[in-house]
Amino acid sequence: MKQLFGIRVLGAIAGLLSAAIACGGSNDASNAASNGGPPSGGQPDGGSPPGGPPTMMIGTNPTLGNYLVDGNGRSLYYYAKDFPASGSNAAVSNCTSAGGCLALWPIFHASSVVVQGINASDVGEITRGDGTRQTTFRGSPLYYFAGDMKAGDVNGEGFGNIWFVMHDQPYSVFLMSNPSGQAPTLYLADGTGRTLYYFFQDTVGSATSAPVSACTGSCLTSWPIFATSSTPVVPSILHASDFTVFTRPDGQMQSAFKGHPLYFFAGDAAPGDTKGRGVNNAWDSLDPTVL
């Protein structure tokens, strides 16, 4: 049903865009995006002077829980093909006018940030490749969805398996996607965008047995373990119940996905790096849709 609804929404938006082009007019959604606002017919970007109404606050959905909205209640999303800021690495938006991405996903920019219910220190800003500015939250660029017609709409959630609302609580695990379209198309990363891997030689856990990690001793220098809560915050197409925590023989706690122990690769220096794929023909990233 969700897939059918997504197709209908996309079809309706495509029809509107086609009509605008046929009439010789400009694309209102694209114009709004270039100015940092929502699609035509939506609310303004919520900019307000310090001390005025909030430009960013928390919305609530019975299925998704708490997530970010602008000052008018419009839902804010993250894009799995973007690279969040991490350390000295600035955030990178890979949603551009090419292919119509910005027509469907206008950028969110609040010129004056006034928050309600969230930490102002989590809010930042980048200058995009096209020179426009975009607001970030915990390092991730934020967007609207053109298919959201009113406050509280979350029609963009899970769209194409690469668009998700930005929760007010940090994601324990991000779902990311290679912007080039080459493998790995989808893969798991931690909340900062650092790629997660599994080891072919590990013993996969089951409903009745814990995983067994074959990466011990010096192996852990190159492949540090990943550990997070047993009830992680994850994008909606993932299931928190697929993530478990087990105790290694050395006493450390390690997270597993569908029974596969999870690791980082020491050679990955920035969000989006997947240099650990295929190392010694024994390591790979995890595509949750096929694993």
C-alpha atoms as a PDB file:
ATOM      1  CA  MET A   1       0.000   0.000   0.000  1.00  0.00           C
ATOM      2  CA  LYS A   2       2.827   2.423   0.878  1.00  0.00           C
ATOM      3  CA  GLN A   3       4.529   1.645  -2.435  1.00  0.00           C
ATOM      4  CA  LEU A   4       1.285   2.291  -4.334  1.00  0.00           C
ATOM      5  CA  PHE A   5       0.766   5.555  -2.469  1.00  0.00           C
ATOM      6  CA  GLY A   6       4.337   6.623  -3.293  1.00  0.00           C
ATOM      7  CA  ILE A   7       3.723   5.913  -6.974  1.00  0.00           C
ATOM      8  CA  ARG A   8       0.551   7.995  -6.898  1.00  0.00           C
ATOM      9  CA  VAL A   9       2.295  10.906  -5.212  1.00  0.00           C
ATOM     10  CA  LEU A  10       5.180  10.795  -7.666  1.00  0.00           C
ATOM     11  CA  GLY A  11       2.768  10.582 -10.571  1.00  0.00           C
ATOM     12  CA  ALA A  12       0.818  13.590  -9.346  1.00  0.00           C
ATOM     13  CA  ILE A  13       3.973  15.651  -8.904  1.00  0.00           C
ATOM     14  CA  ALA A  14       5.305  14.580 -12.292  1.00  0.00           C
ATOM     15  CA  GLY A  15       2.030  15.698 -13.835  1.00  0.00           C
ATOM     16  CA  LEU A  16       2.294  19.112 -12.221  1.00  0.00           C
ATOM     17  CA  LEU A  17       5.860  19.544 -13.413  1.00  0.00           C
ATOM     18  CA  SER A  18       4.956  18.472 -16.931  1.00  0.00           C
ATOM     19  CA  ALA A  19       2.049  20.902 -16.968  1.00  0.00           C
ATOM     20  CA  ALA A  20       4.309  23.752 -15.886  1.00  0.00           C
ATOM     21  CA  ILE A  21       6.769  22.957 -18.661  1.00  0.00           C
ATOM     22  CA  ALA A  22       4.001  22.584 -21.248  1.00  0.00           C
ATOM     23  CA  CYS A  23       2.627  25.986 -20.337  1.00  0.00           C
ATOM     24  CA  GLY A  24       6.033  27.557 -20.824  1.00  0.00           C
ATOM     25  CA  GLY A  25       6.203  28.662 -17.200  1.00  0.00           C
ATOM     26  CA  SER A  26       9.047  28.192 -14.774  1.00  0.00           C
ATOM     27  CA  ASN A  27       9.110  25.317 -12.329  1.00  0.00           C
ATOM     28  CA  ASP A  28       7.828  26.776  -9.063  1.00  0.00           C
ATOM     29  CA  ALA A  29       9.308  23.936  -7.042  1.00  0.00           C
ATOM     30  CA  SER A  30      12.730  24.527  -8.557  1.00  0.00           C
ATOM     31  CA  ASN A  31      12.480  28.280  -8.004  1.00  0.00           C
ATOM     32  CA  ALA A  32      11.516  27.738  -4.403  1.00  0.00           C
ATOM     33  CA  ALA A  33      14.414  25.352  -3.961  1.00  0.00           C
ATOM     34  CA  SER A  34      16.928  27.818  -5.385  1.00  0.00           C
ATOM     35  CA  ASN A  35      15.738  30.346  -2.823  1.00  0.00           C
ATOM     36  CA  GLY A  36      15.931  27.854   0.012  1.00  0.00           C
ATOM     37  CA  GLY A  37      12.177  27.573   0.492  1.00  0.00           C
ATOM     38  CA  PRO A  38       9.540  24.852   0.182  1.00  0.00           C
ATOM     39  CA  PRO A  39       7.672  23.934  -2.991  1.00  0.00           C
ATOM     40  CA  SER A  40       5.056  26.250  -4.470  1.00  0.00           C
ATOM     41  CA  GLY A  41       1.939  26.351  -2.364  1.00  0.00           C
ATOM     42  CA  GLY A  42       3.871  25.501   0.799  1.00  0.00           C
ATOM     43  CA  GLN A  43       4.863  27.583   3.757  1.00  0.00           C
ATOM     44  CA  PRO A  44       7.854  29.959   3.780  1.00  0.00           C
ATOM     45  CA  ASP A  45      11.149  28.651   5.085  1.00  0.00           C
ATOM     46  CA  GLY A  46      10.281  29.815   8.574  1.00  0.00           C
ATOM     47  CA  GLY A  47      13.043  32.420   8.864  1.00  0.00           C
ATOM     48  CA  SER A  48      12.411  34.822  11.722  1.00  0.00           C
ATOM     49  CA  PRO A  49      14.383  37.289  13.804  1.00  0.00           C
ATOM     50  CA  PRO A  50      16.049  36.039  16.999  1.00  0.00           C
ATOM     51  CA  GLY A  51      13.489  35.656  19.752  1.00  0.00           C
ATOM     52  CA  GLY A  52      10.632  35.324  17.248  1.00  0.00           C
ATOM     53  CA  PRO A  53       8.574  32.247  16.388  1.00  0.00           C
ATOM     54  CA  PRO A  54      10.578  29.016  16.001  1.00  0.00           C
ATOM     55  CA  THR A  55      12.061  28.162  12.623  1.00  0.00           C
ATOM     56  CA  MET A  56      12.757  24.573  13.685  1.00  0.00           C
ATOM     57  CA  MET A  57      10.825  22.460  16.168  1.00  0.00           C
ATOM     58  CA  ILE A  58       9.594  18.934  16.842  1.00  0.00           C
ATOM     59  CA  GLY A  59       6.647  17.282  15.153  1.00  0.00           C
ATOM     60  CA  THR A  60       5.096  13.986  16.183  1.00  0.00           C
ATOM     61  CA  ASN A  61       3.757  11.135  14.075  1.00  0.00           C
ATOM     62  CA  PRO A  62       2.010   8.066  15.568  1.00  0.00           C
ATOM     63  CA  THR A  63       4.231   5.741  13.522  1.00  0.00           C
ATOM     64  CA  LEU A  64       7.483   7.657  13.225  1.00  0.00           C
ATOM     65  CA  GLY A  65       7.537   9.316  16.641  1.00  0.00           C
ATOM     66  CA  ASN A  66       9.262  12.683  17.058  1.00  0.00           C
ATOM     67  CA  TYR A  67      10.988  14.290  14.089  1.00  0.00           C
ATOM     68  CA  LEU A  68      12.028  17.740  12.855  1.00  0.00           C
ATOM     69  CA  VAL A  69       9.685  20.220  11.217  1.00  0.00           C
ATOM     70  CA  ASP A  70      10.037  23.866  10.262  1.00  0.00           C
ATOM     71  CA  GLY A  71       8.262  26.669  12.081  1.00  0.00           C
ATOM     72  CA  ASN A  72       5.077  25.960  10.149  1.00  0.00           C
ATOM     73  CA  GLY A  73       5.032  22.228  10.798  1.00  0.00           C
ATOM     74  CA  ARG A  74       6.445  21.155   7.423  1.00  0.00           C
ATOM     75  CA  SER A  75       8.422  17.901   7.661  1.00  0.00           C
ATOM     76  CA  LEU A  76      12.203  17.926   7.177  1.00  0.00           C
ATOM     77  CA  TYR A  77      14.119  15.046   5.610  1.00  0.00           C
ATOM     78  CA  TYR A  78      17.620  13.703   5.086  1.00  0.00           C
ATOM     79  CA  TYR A  79      18.934  12.199   1.841  1.00  0.00           C
ATOM     80  CA  ALA A  80      20.798   8.884   1.941  1.00  0.00           C
ATOM     81  CA  LYS A  81      23.111   9.993  -0.887  1.00  0.00           C
ATOM     82  CA  ASP A  82      24.357  12.999   1.072  1.00  0.00           C
ATOM     83  CA  PHE A  83      27.505  12.920   3.173  1.00  0.00           C
ATOM     84  CA  PRO A  84      26.989  14.323   6.684  1.00  0.00           C
ATOM     85  CA  ALA A  85      29.628  16.540   8.249  1.00  0.00           C
ATOM     86  CA  SER A  86      32.134  14.688  10.406  1.00  0.00           C
ATOM     87  CA  GLY A  87      35.258  16.090  12.030  1.00  0.00           C
ATOM     88  CA  SER A  88      37.029  18.318   9.502  1.00  0.00           C
ATOM     89  CA  ASN A  89      34.828  17.031   6.661  1.00  0.00           C
ATOM     90  CA  ALA A  90      32.038  19.428   5.698  1.00  0.00           C
ATOM     91  CA  ALA A  91      28.596  18.122   4.784  1.00  0.00           C
ATOM     92  CA  VAL A  92      27.989  17.459   1.092  1.00  0.00           C
ATOM     93  CA  SER A  93      24.585  17.687  -0.572  1.00  0.00           C
ATOM     94  CA  ASN A  94      24.237  15.403  -3.581  1.00  0.00           C
ATOM     95  CA  CYS A  95      20.687  16.539  -4.397  1.00  0.00           C
ATOM     96  CA  THR A  96      21.001  19.024  -7.231  1.00  0.00           C
ATOM     97  CA  SER A  97      18.865  20.341 -10.064  1.00  0.00           C
ATOM     98  CA  ALA A  98      20.205  17.519 -12.229  1.00  0.00           C
ATOM     99  CA  GLY A  99      17.554  14.877 -12.726  1.00  0.00           C
ATOM    100  CA  GLY A 100      14.957  17.049 -11.039  1.00  0.00           C
ATOM    101  CA  CYS A 101      16.056  16.196  -7.503  1.00  0.00           C
ATOM    102  CA  LEU A 102      15.588  19.733  -6.163  1.00  0.00           C
ATOM    103  CA  ALA A 103      12.197  19.996  -7.837  1.00  0.00           C
ATOM    104  CA  LEU A 104      10.918  17.173  -5.626  1.00  0.00           C
ATOM    105  CA  TRP A 105      13.149  17.911  -2.637  1.00  0.00           C
ATOM    106  CA  PRO A 106      13.582  21.662  -2.127  1.00  0.00           C
ATOM    107  CA  ILE A 107      16.276  22.618   0.323  1.00  0.00           C
ATOM    108  CA  PHE A 108      15.453  23.943   3.780  1.00  0.00           C
ATOM    109  CA  HIS A 109      17.240  27.096   4.875  1.00  0.00           C
ATOM    110  CA  ALA A 110      16.434  29.198   7.920  1.00  0.00           C
ATOM    111  CA  SER A 111      18.298  32.486   7.748  1.00  0.00           C
ATOM    112  CA  SER A 112      17.724  33.027  11.466  1.00  0.00           C
ATOM    113  CA  VAL A 113      17.594  29.845  13.499  1.00  0.00           C
ATOM    114  CA  VAL A 114      15.141  29.852  16.392  1.00  0.00           C
ATOM    115  CA  VAL A 115      14.659  26.382  17.833  1.00  0.00           C
ATOM    116  CA  GLN A 116      11.959  24.907  20.031  1.00  0.00           C
ATOM    117  CA  GLY A 117      12.539  21.584  21.767  1.00  0.00           C
ATOM    118  CA  ILE A 118      15.871  20.870  20.040  1.00  0.00           C
ATOM    119  CA  ASN A 119      19.473  21.812  20.762  1.00  0.00           C
ATOM    120  CA  ALA A 120      20.554  24.890  18.799  1.00  0.00           C
ATOM    121  CA  SER A 121      24.145  23.595  18.740  1.00  0.00           C
ATOM    122  CA  ASP A 122      22.959  20.705  16.531  1.00  0.00           C
ATOM    123  CA  VAL A 123      21.907  23.164  13.819  1.00  0.00           C
ATOM    124  CA  GLY A 124      24.400  24.310  11.203  1.00  0.00           C
ATOM    125  CA  GLU A 125      24.644  25.585   7.660  1.00  0.00           C
ATOM    126  CA  ILE A 126      26.518  24.782   4.464  1.00  0.00           C
ATOM    127  CA  THR A 127      27.043  26.624   1.218  1.00  0.00           C
ATOM    128  CA  ARG A 128      26.056  24.303  -1.587  1.00  0.00           C
ATOM    129  CA  GLY A 129      27.903  23.881  -4.859  1.00  0.00           C
ATOM    130  CA  ASP A 130      25.392  26.200  -6.536  1.00  0.00           C
ATOM    131  CA  GLY A 131      26.127  28.946  -3.980  1.00  0.00           C
ATOM    132  CA  THR A 132      22.847  28.663  -2.058  1.00  0.00           C
ATOM    133  CA  ARG A 133      22.829  28.022   1.670  1.00  0.00           C
ATOM    134  CA  GLN A 134      21.234  25.025   3.344  1.00  0.00           C
ATOM    135  CA  THR A 135      20.488  24.285   6.979  1.00  0.00           C
ATOM    136  CA  THR A 136      21.911  21.112   8.512  1.00  0.00           C
ATOM    137  CA  PHE A 137      21.031  19.127  11.611  1.00  0.00           C
ATOM    138  CA  ARG A 138      23.760  17.111  13.277  1.00  0.00           C
ATOM    139  CA  GLY A 139      25.708  17.580  10.065  1.00  0.00           C
ATOM    140  CA  SER A 140      23.038  16.371   7.633  1.00  0.00           C
ATOM    141  CA  PRO A 141      21.530  18.738   5.029  1.00  0.00           C
ATOM    142  CA  LEU A 142      17.752  19.164   5.385  1.00  0.00           C
ATOM    143  CA  TYR A 143      15.036  19.128   2.720  1.00  0.00           C
ATOM    144  CA  TYR A 144      11.298  19.438   2.199  1.00  0.00           C
ATOM    145  CA  PHE A 145       9.269  17.031   0.048  1.00  0.00           C
ATOM    146  CA  ALA A 146       7.117  18.518  -2.715  1.00  0.00           C
ATOM    147  CA  GLY A 147       4.503  15.838  -2.073  1.00  0.00           C
ATOM    148  CA  ASP A 148       3.820  17.113   1.454  1.00  0.00           C
ATOM    149  CA  MET A 149       0.860  19.416   1.052  1.00  0.00           C
ATOM    150  CA  LYS A 150       0.357  20.483   4.658  1.00  0.00           C
ATOM    151  CA  ALA A 151       1.863  20.490   8.111  1.00  0.00           C
ATOM    152  CA  GLY A 152       2.247  16.986   9.482  1.00  0.00           C
ATOM    153  CA  ASP A 153       2.465  15.260   6.087  1.00  0.00           C
ATOM    154  CA  VAL A 154       5.306  12.711   5.912  1.00  0.00           C
ATOM    155  CA  ASN A 155       4.682  11.409   2.401  1.00  0.00           C
ATOM    156  CA  GLY A 156       8.410  11.486   1.667  1.00  0.00           C
ATOM    157  CA  GLU A 157       9.297   8.972   4.384  1.00  0.00           C
ATOM    158  CA  GLY A 158      11.049   5.958   2.855  1.00  0.00           C
ATOM    159  CA  PHE A 159      10.691   7.396  -0.654  1.00  0.00           C
ATOM    160  CA  GLY A 160      12.895   5.359  -2.988  1.00  0.00           C
ATOM    161  CA  ASN A 161      14.477   3.825   0.125  1.00  0.00           C
ATOM    162  CA  ILE A 162      16.722   6.927   0.309  1.00  0.00           C
ATOM    163  CA  TRP A 163      14.642   9.706   1.929  1.00  0.00           C
ATOM    164  CA  PHE A 164      13.747   9.790   5.616  1.00  0.00           C
ATOM    165  CA  VAL A 165      12.504  12.274   8.186  1.00  0.00           C
ATOM    166  CA  MET A 166      15.198  13.682  10.457  1.00  0.00           C
ATOM    167  CA  HIS A 167      14.498  12.511  13.997  1.00  0.00           C
ATOM    168  CA  ASP A 168      15.183  14.780  16.928  1.00  0.00           C
ATOM    169  CA  GLN A 169      17.117  11.928  18.566  1.00  0.00           C
ATOM    170  CA  PRO A 170      20.351  10.918  16.825  1.00  0.00           C
ATOM    171  CA  TYR A 171      20.092   8.037  14.386  1.00  0.00           C
ATOM    172  CA  SER A 172      22.053   5.078  15.742  1.00  0.00           C
ATOM    173  CA  VAL A 173      22.341   3.745  12.201  1.00  0.00           C
ATOM    174  CA  PHE A 174      22.033   5.655   8.939  1.00  0.00           C
ATOM    175  CA  LEU A 175      20.953   4.117   5.666  1.00  0.00           C
ATOM    176  CA  MET A 176      23.218   5.536   2.962  1.00  0.00           C
ATOM    177  CA  SER A 177      23.410   5.216  -0.811  1.00  0.00           C
ATOM    178  CA  ASN A 178      26.229   5.682  -3.283  1.00  0.00           C
ATOM    179  CA  PRO A 179      25.542   8.933  -5.193  1.00  0.00           C
ATOM    180  CA  SER A 180      27.263   7.525  -8.296  1.00  0.00           C
ATOM    181  CA  GLY A 181      24.747   4.697  -8.479  1.00  0.00           C
ATOM    182  CA  GLN A 182      27.558   2.136  -8.441  1.00  0.00           C
ATOM    183  CA  ALA A 183      27.789  -0.629  -5.858  1.00  0.00           C
ATOM    184  CA  PRO A 184      27.259  -0.476  -2.991  1.00  0.00           C
ATOM    185  CA  THR A 185      23.936   1.111  -3.872  1.00  0.00           C
ATOM    186  CA  LEU A 186      22.579   0.946  -0.316  1.00  0.00           C
ATOM    187  CA  TYR A 187      24.604   0.315   2.805  1.00  0.00           C
ATOM    188  CA  LEU A 188      24.519   0.764   6.557  1.00  0.00           C
ATOM    189  CA  ALA A 189      26.538   3.416   8.369  1.00  0.00           C
ATOM    190  CA  ASP A 190      26.673   4.727  11.898  1.00  0.00           C
ATOM    191  CA  GLY A 191      24.980   7.986  12.848  1.00  0.00           C
ATOM    192  CA  THR A 192      27.926  10.026  11.551  1.00  0.00           C
ATOM    193  CA  GLY A 193      27.934   8.389   8.123  1.00  0.00           C
ATOM    194  CA  ARG A 194      30.818   6.008   8.757  1.00  0.00           C
ATOM    195  CA  THR A 195      30.329   2.765   6.792  1.00  0.00           C
ATOM    196  CA  LEU A 196      29.620  -0.492   8.630  1.00  0.00           C
ATOM    197  CA  TYR A 197      30.986  -3.867   7.480  1.00  0.00           C
ATOM    198  CA  TYR A 198      30.611  -7.576   8.125  1.00  0.00           C
ATOM    199  CA  PHE A 199      33.273 -10.308   8.086  1.00  0.00           C
ATOM    200  CA  PHE A 200      32.694 -13.435   6.006  1.00  0.00           C
ATOM    201  CA  GLN A 201      34.488 -15.632   8.562  1.00  0.00           C
ATOM    202  CA  ASP A 202      32.191 -14.707  11.450  1.00  0.00           C
ATOM    203  CA  THR A 203      29.585 -17.142  12.727  1.00  0.00           C
ATOM    204  CA  VAL A 204      26.184 -15.579  12.116  1.00  0.00           C
ATOM    205  CA  GLY A 205      23.897 -15.434  15.123  1.00  0.00           C
ATOM    206  CA  SER A 206      20.379 -16.809  15.177  1.00  0.00           C
ATOM    207  CA  ALA A 207      17.263 -16.554  17.317  1.00  0.00           C
ATOM    208  CA  THR A 208      18.768 -19.095  19.705  1.00  0.00           C
ATOM    209  CA  SER A 209      22.507 -18.418  19.469  1.00  0.00           C
ATOM    210  CA  ALA A 210      24.692 -15.318  19.690  1.00  0.00           C
ATOM    211  CA  PRO A 211      27.065 -14.372  16.865  1.00  0.00           C
ATOM    212  CA  VAL A 212      30.728 -15.322  17.141  1.00  0.00           C
ATOM    213  CA  SER A 213      33.315 -12.834  15.886  1.00  0.00           C
ATOM    214  CA  ALA A 214      36.367 -14.278  14.177  1.00  0.00           C
ATOM    215  CA  CYS A 215      38.045 -10.850  14.197  1.00  0.00           C
ATOM    216  CA  THR A 216      40.177 -10.747  17.329  1.00  0.00           C
ATOM    217  CA  GLY A 217      43.549  -9.407  18.461  1.00  0.00           C
ATOM    218  CA  SER A 218      45.381  -7.412  15.783  1.00  0.00           C
ATOM    219  CA  CYS A 219      42.407  -7.791  13.420  1.00  0.00           C
ATOM    220  CA  LEU A 220      40.537  -5.245  15.534  1.00  0.00           C
ATOM    221  CA  THR A 221      43.183  -2.614  14.789  1.00  0.00           C
ATOM    222  CA  SER A 222      41.995  -2.454  11.186  1.00  0.00           C
ATOM    223  CA  TRP A 223      38.408  -3.417  11.932  1.00  0.00           C
ATOM    224  CA  PRO A 224      37.185  -1.690  15.140  1.00  0.00           C
ATOM    225  CA  ILE A 225      33.898  -3.019  16.465  1.00  0.00           C
ATOM    226  CA  PHE A 226      30.638  -1.079  16.270  1.00  0.00           C
ATOM    227  CA  ALA A 227      28.396  -1.034  19.305  1.00  0.00           C
ATOM    228  CA  THR A 228      25.158   0.827  19.898  1.00  0.00           C
ATOM    229  CA  SER A 229      21.961   0.433  21.902  1.00  0.00           C
ATOM    230  CA  SER A 230      19.953  -2.764  21.620  1.00  0.00           C
ATOM    231  CA  THR A 231      17.004  -0.511  20.686  1.00  0.00           C
ATOM    232  CA  PRO A 232      18.633   1.730  18.069  1.00  0.00           C
ATOM    233  CA  VAL A 233      17.040   4.688  16.265  1.00  0.00           C
ATOM    234  CA  VAL A 234      16.914   3.644  12.599  1.00  0.00           C
ATOM    235  CA  PRO A 235      15.236   4.755   9.347  1.00  0.00           C
ATOM    236  CA  SER A 236      11.733   3.377   8.936  1.00  0.00           C
ATOM    237  CA  ILE A 237      12.582   0.775   6.275  1.00  0.00           C
ATOM    238  CA  LEU A 238      14.868  -0.889   8.816  1.00  0.00           C
ATOM    239  CA  HIS A 239      13.654  -2.802  11.855  1.00  0.00           C
ATOM    240  CA  ALA A 240      15.231  -2.055  15.209  1.00  0.00           C
ATOM    241  CA  SER A 241      14.640  -5.707  16.152  1.00  0.00           C
ATOM    242  CA  ASP A 242      17.166  -6.767  13.466  1.00  0.00           C
ATOM    243  CA  PHE A 243      19.911  -5.122  15.531  1.00  0.00           C
ATOM    244  CA  THR A 244      21.169  -7.042  18.530  1.00  0.00           C
ATOM    245  CA  VAL A 245      24.040  -6.663  20.986  1.00  0.00           C
ATOM    246  CA  PHE A 246      26.257  -9.536  22.089  1.00  0.00           C
ATOM    247  CA  THR A 247      29.233  -9.941  24.389  1.00  0.00           C
ATOM    248  CA  ARG A 248      32.542 -10.867  22.762  1.00  0.00           C
ATOM    249  CA  PRO A 249      34.983 -13.282  24.467  1.00  0.00           C
ATOM    250  CA  ASP A 250      37.136 -10.255  25.412  1.00  0.00           C
ATOM    251  CA  GLY A 251      34.167  -8.798  27.303  1.00  0.00           C
ATOM    252  CA  GLN A 252      33.430  -5.984  24.838  1.00  0.00           C
ATOM    253  CA  MET A 253      29.908  -5.408  23.568  1.00  0.00           C
ATOM    254  CA  GLN A 254      29.319  -5.504  19.818  1.00  0.00           C
ATOM    255  CA  SER A 255      26.266  -4.826  17.669  1.00  0.00           C
ATOM    256  CA  ALA A 256      25.047  -7.212  14.984  1.00  0.00           C
ATOM    257  CA  PHE A 257      22.599  -6.838  12.117  1.00  0.00           C
ATOM    258  CA  LYS A 258      20.548  -9.933  11.332  1.00  0.00           C
ATOM    259  CA  GLY A 259      23.145 -11.899  13.259  1.00  0.00           C
ATOM    260  CA  HIS A 260      26.180 -10.402  11.456  1.00  0.00           C
ATOM    261  CA  PRO A 261      28.667  -8.653  13.793  1.00  0.00           C
ATOM    262  CA  LEU A 262      29.312  -5.066  12.668  1.00  0.00           C
ATOM    263  CA  TYR A 263      32.661  -3.312  12.233  1.00  0.00           C
ATOM    264  CA  PHE A 264      34.223  -0.091  10.970  1.00  0.00           C
ATOM    265  CA  PHE A 265      37.241  -0.016   8.645  1.00  0.00           C
ATOM    266  CA  ALA A 266      40.214   2.012   9.888  1.00  0.00           C
ATOM    267  CA  GLY A 267      41.005   3.031   6.310  1.00  0.00           C
ATOM    268  CA  ASP A 268      37.746   4.972   5.884  1.00  0.00           C
ATOM    269  CA  ALA A 269      38.577   8.630   6.527  1.00  0.00           C
ATOM    270  CA  ALA A 270      35.310  10.410   5.698  1.00  0.00           C
ATOM    271  CA  PRO A 271      31.553   9.779   5.505  1.00  0.00           C
ATOM    272  CA  GLY A 272      30.740   7.915   2.318  1.00  0.00           C
ATOM    273  CA  ASP A 273      34.079   6.084   2.197  1.00  0.00           C
ATOM    274  CA  THR A 274      33.659   2.359   1.490  1.00  0.00           C
ATOM    275  CA  LYS A 275      37.330   1.409   1.177  1.00  0.00           C
ATOM    276  CA  GLY A 276      36.841  -1.720   3.248  1.00  0.00           C
ATOM    277  CA  ARG A 277      34.712  -3.420   0.617  1.00  0.00           C
ATOM    278  CA  GLY A 278      36.409  -6.541  -0.722  1.00  0.00           C
ATOM    279  CA  VAL A 279      39.495  -6.321   1.498  1.00  0.00           C
ATOM    280  CA  ASN A 280      41.140  -9.771   1.368  1.00  0.00           C
ATOM    281  CA  ASN A 281      37.904 -10.958  -0.273  1.00  0.00           C
ATOM    282  CA  ALA A 282      36.569 -11.274   3.266  1.00  0.00           C
ATOM    283  CA  TRP A 283      34.812  -8.012   4.089  1.00  0.00           C
ATOM    284  CA  ASP A 284      31.846  -6.128   2.670  1.00  0.00           C
ATOM    285  CA  SER A 285      29.370  -3.385   3.493  1.00  0.00           C
ATOM    286  CA  LEU A 286      25.774  -4.368   4.261  1.00  0.00           C
ATOM    287  CA  ASP A 287      22.843  -3.775   1.947  1.00  0.00           C
ATOM    288  CA  PRO A 288      19.888  -4.352   4.290  1.00  0.00           C
ATOM    289  CA  THR A 289      17.512  -4.964   1.404  1.00  0.00           C
ATOM    290  CA  VAL A 290      19.391  -8.067   0.216  1.00  0.00           C
ATOM    291  CA  LEU A 291      21.190  -9.412   3.293  1.00  0.00           C
END
